[in-house]
Amino acid sequence: FATLDPTLRRIDVPDVGETVLADTVGFIRHLPHDLVAAFKATLQETRQATLLLHVIDAADVRVQENIDAVNTVLAEIEADEIPALMVMNKIDMLDDFEPRIDRDDENKPIRVWLSAQTGVGVPLLFQALTERLSGEVAQHTLRLPPKEGRLRSRFYQLQAIEKEWMEDDGSVSLQVRMPIVDWRRLCKQEPTLVDYVV
């Protein structure tokens, strides 16, 4: 392995805005014991995700075995409660298979069938991402006192600030928009945050 670090890319998801994708290392069966700890440490970053995209080789004869292996590791690193969207890739290698979105009983996208190689079905992935992410967005206006510079910085790190302006008393007002799971996580980490909501 050259590196186990995730690759970060920014994409624009319709009706959601700029989104950061973190491409982690793939799951490998029979990983040498000396790499297991490093592998799991790298995957710890998945615990911070809003939505997991579980990319699966749909043409592999061991599809279910591969899915089960990933789910086992996600449970081990306590990331199995994070919402997930399965991306069934390589449908171009299957006979007579059309791109589509599979949905659950609540009509929420749970699986997208596509081919990254040919691009067929990729628009459906963006559609599914939009549906999964846009419905779970928190929007708030906050008024932070000057002492809360660190909290303001956290919103910048999360790329959640849509608008910012100074008040006459030296406080800063922020208009923020972020995934609801990130908002909830931040409220747990910063209990005084709710006091600043206007």
C-alpha atoms as a PDB file:
ATOM      1  CA  PHE A   1       0.000   0.000   0.000  1.00  0.00           C
ATOM      2  CA  ALA A   2       1.275   3.443  -0.837  1.00  0.00           C
ATOM      3  CA  THR A   3      -1.056   4.942   1.749  1.00  0.00           C
ATOM      4  CA  LEU A   4      -4.056   4.060   3.854  1.00  0.00           C
ATOM      5  CA  ASP A   5      -5.177   7.688   4.065  1.00  0.00           C
ATOM      6  CA  PRO A   6      -8.571   8.529   2.565  1.00  0.00           C
ATOM      7  CA  THR A   7      -8.779  10.674  -0.563  1.00  0.00           C
ATOM      8  CA  LEU A   8     -11.014  13.731  -0.196  1.00  0.00           C
ATOM      9  CA  ARG A   9     -12.958  15.244  -3.097  1.00  0.00           C
ATOM     10  CA  ARG A  10     -15.528  18.031  -3.240  1.00  0.00           C
ATOM     11  CA  ILE A  11     -18.612  17.636  -5.399  1.00  0.00           C
ATOM     12  CA  ASP A  12     -21.709  19.757  -5.848  1.00  0.00           C
ATOM     13  CA  VAL A  13     -24.878  17.799  -5.079  1.00  0.00           C
ATOM     14  CA  PRO A  14     -28.075  19.421  -6.434  1.00  0.00           C
ATOM     15  CA  ASP A  15     -30.253  20.979  -3.686  1.00  0.00           C
ATOM     16  CA  VAL A  16     -27.618  20.069  -1.095  1.00  0.00           C
ATOM     17  CA  GLY A  17     -24.590  22.100  -2.131  1.00  0.00           C
ATOM     18  CA  GLU A  18     -20.915  21.378  -1.813  1.00  0.00           C
ATOM     19  CA  THR A  19     -20.335  17.931  -0.364  1.00  0.00           C
ATOM     20  CA  VAL A  20     -17.074  16.286   0.635  1.00  0.00           C
ATOM     21  CA  LEU A  21     -16.541  12.674  -0.390  1.00  0.00           C
ATOM     22  CA  ALA A  22     -13.949  10.689   1.547  1.00  0.00           C
ATOM     23  CA  ASP A  23     -12.784   7.643  -0.388  1.00  0.00           C
ATOM     24  CA  THR A  24     -11.386   5.199   2.162  1.00  0.00           C
ATOM     25  CA  VAL A  25      -9.301   2.138   1.480  1.00  0.00           C
ATOM     26  CA  GLY A  26     -11.173  -0.888   0.204  1.00  0.00           C
ATOM     27  CA  PHE A  27     -11.980  -3.874   2.363  1.00  0.00           C
ATOM     28  CA  ILE A  28      -9.531  -6.673   1.806  1.00  0.00           C
ATOM     29  CA  ARG A  29      -9.980 -10.264   2.867  1.00  0.00           C
ATOM     30  CA  HIS A  30      -7.110 -11.982   4.654  1.00  0.00           C
ATOM     31  CA  LEU A  31      -5.296  -8.752   5.431  1.00  0.00           C
ATOM     32  CA  PRO A  32      -1.875  -9.372   7.047  1.00  0.00           C
ATOM     33  CA  HIS A  33      -2.112  -8.976  10.831  1.00  0.00           C
ATOM     34  CA  ASP A  34       0.384  -6.096  10.915  1.00  0.00           C
ATOM     35  CA  LEU A  35      -1.904  -4.055   8.634  1.00  0.00           C
ATOM     36  CA  VAL A  36      -5.191  -4.795  10.408  1.00  0.00           C
ATOM     37  CA  ALA A  37      -4.734  -2.084  13.079  1.00  0.00           C
ATOM     38  CA  ALA A  38      -3.681   0.553  10.527  1.00  0.00           C
ATOM     39  CA  PHE A  39      -6.572  -0.438   8.282  1.00  0.00           C
ATOM     40  CA  LYS A  40      -9.138  -0.067  11.074  1.00  0.00           C
ATOM     41  CA  ALA A  41      -7.580   3.191  12.294  1.00  0.00           C
ATOM     42  CA  THR A  42      -8.018   4.631   8.805  1.00  0.00           C
ATOM     43  CA  LEU A  43     -11.635   3.514   8.726  1.00  0.00           C
ATOM     44  CA  GLN A  44     -12.366   5.301  12.011  1.00  0.00           C
ATOM     45  CA  GLU A  45     -12.925   8.417   9.895  1.00  0.00           C
ATOM     46  CA  THR A  46     -16.078   6.793   8.538  1.00  0.00           C
ATOM     47  CA  ARG A  47     -17.647   7.329  11.964  1.00  0.00           C
ATOM     48  CA  GLN A  48     -17.793  11.066  11.152  1.00  0.00           C
ATOM     49  CA  ALA A  49     -19.757  10.523   7.926  1.00  0.00           C
ATOM     50  CA  THR A  50     -23.246  11.834   7.280  1.00  0.00           C
ATOM     51  CA  LEU A  51     -23.922   9.092   4.745  1.00  0.00           C
ATOM     52  CA  LEU A  52     -21.846   6.057   3.781  1.00  0.00           C
ATOM     53  CA  LEU A  53     -21.618   5.139   0.107  1.00  0.00           C
ATOM     54  CA  HIS A  54     -20.924   1.425   0.107  1.00  0.00           C
ATOM     55  CA  VAL A  55     -19.534   0.742  -3.386  1.00  0.00           C
ATOM     56  CA  ILE A  56     -19.941  -2.901  -4.375  1.00  0.00           C
ATOM     57  CA  ASP A  57     -18.697  -4.831  -7.391  1.00  0.00           C
ATOM     58  CA  ALA A  58     -22.052  -6.117  -8.675  1.00  0.00           C
ATOM     59  CA  ALA A  59     -20.288  -8.469 -11.094  1.00  0.00           C
ATOM     60  CA  ASP A  60     -18.348 -10.283  -8.346  1.00  0.00           C
ATOM     61  CA  VAL A  61     -19.688 -13.764  -7.605  1.00  0.00           C
ATOM     62  CA  ARG A  62     -19.084 -13.103  -3.884  1.00  0.00           C
ATOM     63  CA  VAL A  63     -21.307 -10.015  -3.711  1.00  0.00           C
ATOM     64  CA  GLN A  64     -23.132 -10.963  -0.510  1.00  0.00           C
ATOM     65  CA  GLU A  65     -19.942 -12.213   1.135  1.00  0.00           C
ATOM     66  CA  ASN A  66     -18.276  -8.863   0.372  1.00  0.00           C
ATOM     67  CA  ILE A  67     -21.257  -6.913   1.723  1.00  0.00           C
ATOM     68  CA  ASP A  68     -21.241  -8.994   4.917  1.00  0.00           C
ATOM     69  CA  ALA A  69     -17.484  -8.443   5.382  1.00  0.00           C
ATOM     70  CA  VAL A  70     -17.914  -4.666   5.127  1.00  0.00           C
ATOM     71  CA  ASN A  71     -20.871  -4.675   7.511  1.00  0.00           C
ATOM     72  CA  THR A  72     -18.852  -6.685  10.041  1.00  0.00           C
ATOM     73  CA  VAL A  73     -16.005  -4.166   9.998  1.00  0.00           C
ATOM     74  CA  LEU A  74     -18.448  -1.240  10.218  1.00  0.00           C
ATOM     75  CA  ALA A  75     -19.944  -2.838  13.333  1.00  0.00           C
ATOM     76  CA  GLU A  76     -16.458  -3.352  14.815  1.00  0.00           C
ATOM     77  CA  ILE A  77     -15.602   0.334  14.433  1.00  0.00           C
ATOM     78  CA  GLU A  78     -19.082   1.358  15.641  1.00  0.00           C
ATOM     79  CA  ALA A  79     -20.067   2.901  12.320  1.00  0.00           C
ATOM     80  CA  ASP A  80     -22.934   0.524  11.550  1.00  0.00           C
ATOM     81  CA  GLU A  81     -25.594   3.040  12.667  1.00  0.00           C
ATOM     82  CA  ILE A  82     -24.572   5.612  10.034  1.00  0.00           C
ATOM     83  CA  PRO A  83     -27.080   5.806   7.168  1.00  0.00           C
ATOM     84  CA  ALA A  84     -25.785   4.030   4.066  1.00  0.00           C
ATOM     85  CA  LEU A  85     -26.475   3.994   0.351  1.00  0.00           C
ATOM     86  CA  MET A  86     -25.299   0.927  -1.554  1.00  0.00           C
ATOM     87  CA  VAL A  87     -23.757   1.638  -4.946  1.00  0.00           C
ATOM     88  CA  MET A  88     -23.854  -1.471  -7.112  1.00  0.00           C
ATOM     89  CA  ASN A  89     -21.076  -0.772  -9.623  1.00  0.00           C
ATOM     90  CA  LYS A  90     -20.016  -2.564 -12.837  1.00  0.00           C
ATOM     91  CA  ILE A  91     -23.498  -3.303 -14.160  1.00  0.00           C
ATOM     92  CA  ASP A  92     -21.910  -3.070 -17.625  1.00  0.00           C
ATOM     93  CA  MET A  93     -20.421  -6.495 -16.863  1.00  0.00           C
ATOM     94  CA  LEU A  94     -23.857  -8.025 -16.164  1.00  0.00           C
ATOM     95  CA  ASP A  95     -26.225  -9.352 -18.816  1.00  0.00           C
ATOM     96  CA  ASP A  96     -29.200  -7.131 -19.653  1.00  0.00           C
ATOM     97  CA  PHE A  97     -28.959  -4.980 -16.543  1.00  0.00           C
ATOM     98  CA  GLU A  98     -30.377  -1.474 -16.522  1.00  0.00           C
ATOM     99  CA  PRO A  99     -29.420   1.334 -14.133  1.00  0.00           C
ATOM    100  CA  ARG A 100     -31.984   1.917 -11.412  1.00  0.00           C
ATOM    101  CA  ILE A 101     -32.621   3.056  -7.852  1.00  0.00           C
ATOM    102  CA  ASP A 102     -33.982   0.528  -5.340  1.00  0.00           C
ATOM    103  CA  ARG A 103     -36.082   2.030  -2.552  1.00  0.00           C
ATOM    104  CA  ASP A 104     -37.211   0.963   0.907  1.00  0.00           C
ATOM    105  CA  ASP A 105     -40.804   0.906   2.210  1.00  0.00           C
ATOM    106  CA  GLU A 106     -40.630   4.662   2.877  1.00  0.00           C
ATOM    107  CA  ASN A 107     -39.534   5.309  -0.742  1.00  0.00           C
ATOM    108  CA  LYS A 108     -36.024   6.275   0.410  1.00  0.00           C
ATOM    109  CA  PRO A 109     -33.170   5.315  -1.966  1.00  0.00           C
ATOM    110  CA  ILE A 110     -31.188   2.405  -0.531  1.00  0.00           C
ATOM    111  CA  ARG A 111     -29.325   1.083  -3.588  1.00  0.00           C
ATOM    112  CA  VAL A 112     -28.188   2.528  -6.927  1.00  0.00           C
ATOM    113  CA  TRP A 113     -27.177   0.319  -9.866  1.00  0.00           C
ATOM    114  CA  LEU A 114     -24.639   1.923 -12.216  1.00  0.00           C
ATOM    115  CA  SER A 115     -21.388   1.620 -14.123  1.00  0.00           C
ATOM    116  CA  ALA A 116     -18.639   4.051 -13.170  1.00  0.00           C
ATOM    117  CA  GLN A 117     -16.689   2.869 -16.232  1.00  0.00           C
ATOM    118  CA  THR A 118     -19.354   3.811 -18.795  1.00  0.00           C
ATOM    119  CA  GLY A 119     -21.140   6.475 -16.740  1.00  0.00           C
ATOM    120  CA  VAL A 120     -24.530   4.829 -17.143  1.00  0.00           C
ATOM    121  CA  GLY A 121     -26.571   5.320 -13.977  1.00  0.00           C
ATOM    122  CA  VAL A 122     -24.293   7.992 -12.488  1.00  0.00           C
ATOM    123  CA  PRO A 123     -27.066  10.635 -12.720  1.00  0.00           C
ATOM    124  CA  LEU A 124     -29.195   8.264 -10.636  1.00  0.00           C
ATOM    125  CA  LEU A 125     -26.484   8.290  -7.963  1.00  0.00           C
ATOM    126  CA  PHE A 126     -26.692  12.093  -7.802  1.00  0.00           C
ATOM    127  CA  GLN A 127     -30.479  11.853  -7.619  1.00  0.00           C
ATOM    128  CA  ALA A 128     -30.230   9.379  -4.724  1.00  0.00           C
ATOM    129  CA  LEU A 129     -27.634  11.534  -2.949  1.00  0.00           C
ATOM    130  CA  THR A 130     -29.870  14.578  -3.307  1.00  0.00           C
ATOM    131  CA  GLU A 131     -32.832  12.696  -1.870  1.00  0.00           C
ATOM    132  CA  ARG A 132     -30.851  11.210   1.007  1.00  0.00           C
ATOM    133  CA  LEU A 133     -29.006  14.398   1.978  1.00  0.00           C
ATOM    134  CA  SER A 134     -31.366  17.280   1.196  1.00  0.00           C
ATOM    135  CA  GLY A 135     -34.221  16.070   3.366  1.00  0.00           C
ATOM    136  CA  GLU A 136     -32.019  15.957   6.430  1.00  0.00           C
ATOM    137  CA  VAL A 137     -30.631  19.467   6.554  1.00  0.00           C
ATOM    138  CA  ALA A 138     -30.555  21.834   9.531  1.00  0.00           C
ATOM    139  CA  GLN A 139     -30.782  25.570   8.828  1.00  0.00           C
ATOM    140  CA  HIS A 140     -30.329  28.075  11.643  1.00  0.00           C
ATOM    141  CA  THR A 141     -29.391  31.660  12.310  1.00  0.00           C
ATOM    142  CA  LEU A 142     -26.987  32.015  15.226  1.00  0.00           C
ATOM    143  CA  ARG A 143     -25.680  34.988  17.149  1.00  0.00           C
ATOM    144  CA  LEU A 144     -22.287  34.218  18.669  1.00  0.00           C
ATOM    145  CA  PRO A 145     -20.623  36.407  21.291  1.00  0.00           C
ATOM    146  CA  PRO A 146     -16.993  37.421  20.642  1.00  0.00           C
ATOM    147  CA  LYS A 147     -15.727  34.724  23.051  1.00  0.00           C
ATOM    148  CA  GLU A 148     -17.088  31.968  20.750  1.00  0.00           C
ATOM    149  CA  GLY A 149     -14.471  32.269  18.013  1.00  0.00           C
ATOM    150  CA  ARG A 150     -13.681  28.569  18.351  1.00  0.00           C
ATOM    151  CA  LEU A 151     -17.325  27.648  17.710  1.00  0.00           C
ATOM    152  CA  ARG A 152     -17.414  29.947  14.672  1.00  0.00           C
ATOM    153  CA  SER A 153     -14.309  28.169  13.429  1.00  0.00           C
ATOM    154  CA  ARG A 154     -16.064  24.794  13.793  1.00  0.00           C
ATOM    155  CA  PHE A 155     -18.829  25.967  11.458  1.00  0.00           C
ATOM    156  CA  TYR A 156     -16.194  27.006   8.909  1.00  0.00           C
ATOM    157  CA  GLN A 157     -14.532  23.591   9.219  1.00  0.00           C
ATOM    158  CA  LEU A 158     -17.903  21.983   8.512  1.00  0.00           C
ATOM    159  CA  GLN A 159     -18.408  24.357   5.554  1.00  0.00           C
ATOM    160  CA  ALA A 160     -21.800  25.217   6.999  1.00  0.00           C
ATOM    161  CA  ILE A 161     -21.758  29.033   6.868  1.00  0.00           C
ATOM    162  CA  GLU A 162     -23.951  30.515   4.142  1.00  0.00           C
ATOM    163  CA  LYS A 163     -23.863  34.105   5.391  1.00  0.00           C
ATOM    164  CA  GLU A 164     -22.050  35.997   8.129  1.00  0.00           C
ATOM    165  CA  TRP A 165     -22.368  39.542   9.457  1.00  0.00           C
ATOM    166  CA  MET A 166     -21.122  41.593  12.390  1.00  0.00           C
ATOM    167  CA  GLU A 167     -23.509  43.061  14.944  1.00  0.00           C
ATOM    168  CA  ASP A 168     -23.049  46.458  16.642  1.00  0.00           C
ATOM    169  CA  ASP A 169     -22.274  44.805  19.990  1.00  0.00           C
ATOM    170  CA  GLY A 170     -19.315  42.860  18.526  1.00  0.00           C
ATOM    171  CA  SER A 171     -21.177  39.573  18.215  1.00  0.00           C
ATOM    172  CA  VAL A 172     -21.234  37.653  14.944  1.00  0.00           C
ATOM    173  CA  SER A 173     -24.429  36.428  13.310  1.00  0.00           C
ATOM    174  CA  LEU A 174     -24.223  33.326  11.159  1.00  0.00           C
ATOM    175  CA  GLN A 175     -26.676  31.749   8.802  1.00  0.00           C
ATOM    176  CA  VAL A 176     -25.743  28.054   8.756  1.00  0.00           C
ATOM    177  CA  ARG A 177     -26.897  25.081   6.700  1.00  0.00           C
ATOM    178  CA  MET A 178     -25.610  21.585   7.366  1.00  0.00           C
ATOM    179  CA  PRO A 179     -26.677  17.936   7.467  1.00  0.00           C
ATOM    180  CA  ILE A 180     -28.923  17.321  10.454  1.00  0.00           C
ATOM    181  CA  VAL A 181     -26.603  14.594  11.755  1.00  0.00           C
ATOM    182  CA  ASP A 182     -23.702  17.075  11.819  1.00  0.00           C
ATOM    183  CA  TRP A 183     -25.894  19.620  13.647  1.00  0.00           C
ATOM    184  CA  ARG A 184     -26.914  17.043  16.254  1.00  0.00           C
ATOM    185  CA  ARG A 185     -23.333  15.892  16.700  1.00  0.00           C
ATOM    186  CA  LEU A 186     -22.162  19.486  17.161  1.00  0.00           C
ATOM    187  CA  CYS A 187     -24.950  20.175  19.689  1.00  0.00           C
ATOM    188  CA  LYS A 188     -23.748  17.188  21.734  1.00  0.00           C
ATOM    189  CA  GLN A 189     -20.149  18.378  21.582  1.00  0.00           C
ATOM    190  CA  GLU A 190     -21.084  22.029  22.239  1.00  0.00           C
ATOM    191  CA  PRO A 191     -24.056  22.060  24.672  1.00  0.00           C
ATOM    192  CA  THR A 192     -24.233  25.889  24.719  1.00  0.00           C
ATOM    193  CA  LEU A 193     -24.818  26.004  20.949  1.00  0.00           C
ATOM    194  CA  VAL A 194     -28.613  25.949  21.272  1.00  0.00           C
ATOM    195  CA  ASP A 195     -28.433  29.112  23.414  1.00  0.00           C
ATOM    196  CA  TYR A 196     -27.123  31.030  20.388  1.00  0.00           C
ATOM    197  CA  VAL A 197     -29.943  30.087  17.990  1.00  0.00           C
ATOM    198  CA  VAL A 198     -31.943  33.206  17.099  1.00  0.00           C
END
